[in-house]
């Protein structure tokens, strides 16, 4: 008995070229959208890494000064460098004048992530009540020793936990960092001289108002 061979169904034949082209187009659109959303996140990740680096180094210097009974000096050098030095001799008097200790490099210079600098991007808040912890006016990217004119770049962490300037005065201040062309990549770290406390800040915008938040 003879019979005809049934034709293959549409599902057995696989996808047509048109269907494949549609699927590929959809996949490419999804990938493109994901990349567009990832770029700001990648930029923010660099800013956040810079913030963590600065906060971490200041906190470590503060803790080591107390633990080792030595003075730790942190120097910020624009556009991207942090240098940490340690006094060679324990300094019980917690001063850096008179018989000042000889400082030696505690570790190699540290560098901010590529593309991030110590910089003030136009548009950050500059009023006294709006800067991080009310320190300075946002005029200087590296702005320690604000009670004595500001613009200081060095911090001397003492064995008693305080942060002083080069003249043994309490050293309050703030350092700003950002991608130069991206206002909202701005981050800041503030320092209280009386306790050596360090705080990190993010620049955000809400209802059209730009401000610093922790």
Foldseek 3Di string as FASTA:
>chain_A
DDDDDDDDDPVVVPDDPVVVVVVVVVVVVVVVVVVVVVVVVVQLVLLVQQLCVVQVVLVVQLVCCQVVQWKWKWFDDPWWKIWIWIFPDRDNVQAQPDPHGDIDTPDDIDGRPPQKTLDQAPPAAFDQVFPVVSAHRSPGQQFKPRVPPTPDGMWIRGNVQFIADNHRHQIWDKHWMARRVDNQSIKMWTAGRVHSDIDIWGWDADPRDIGIDD
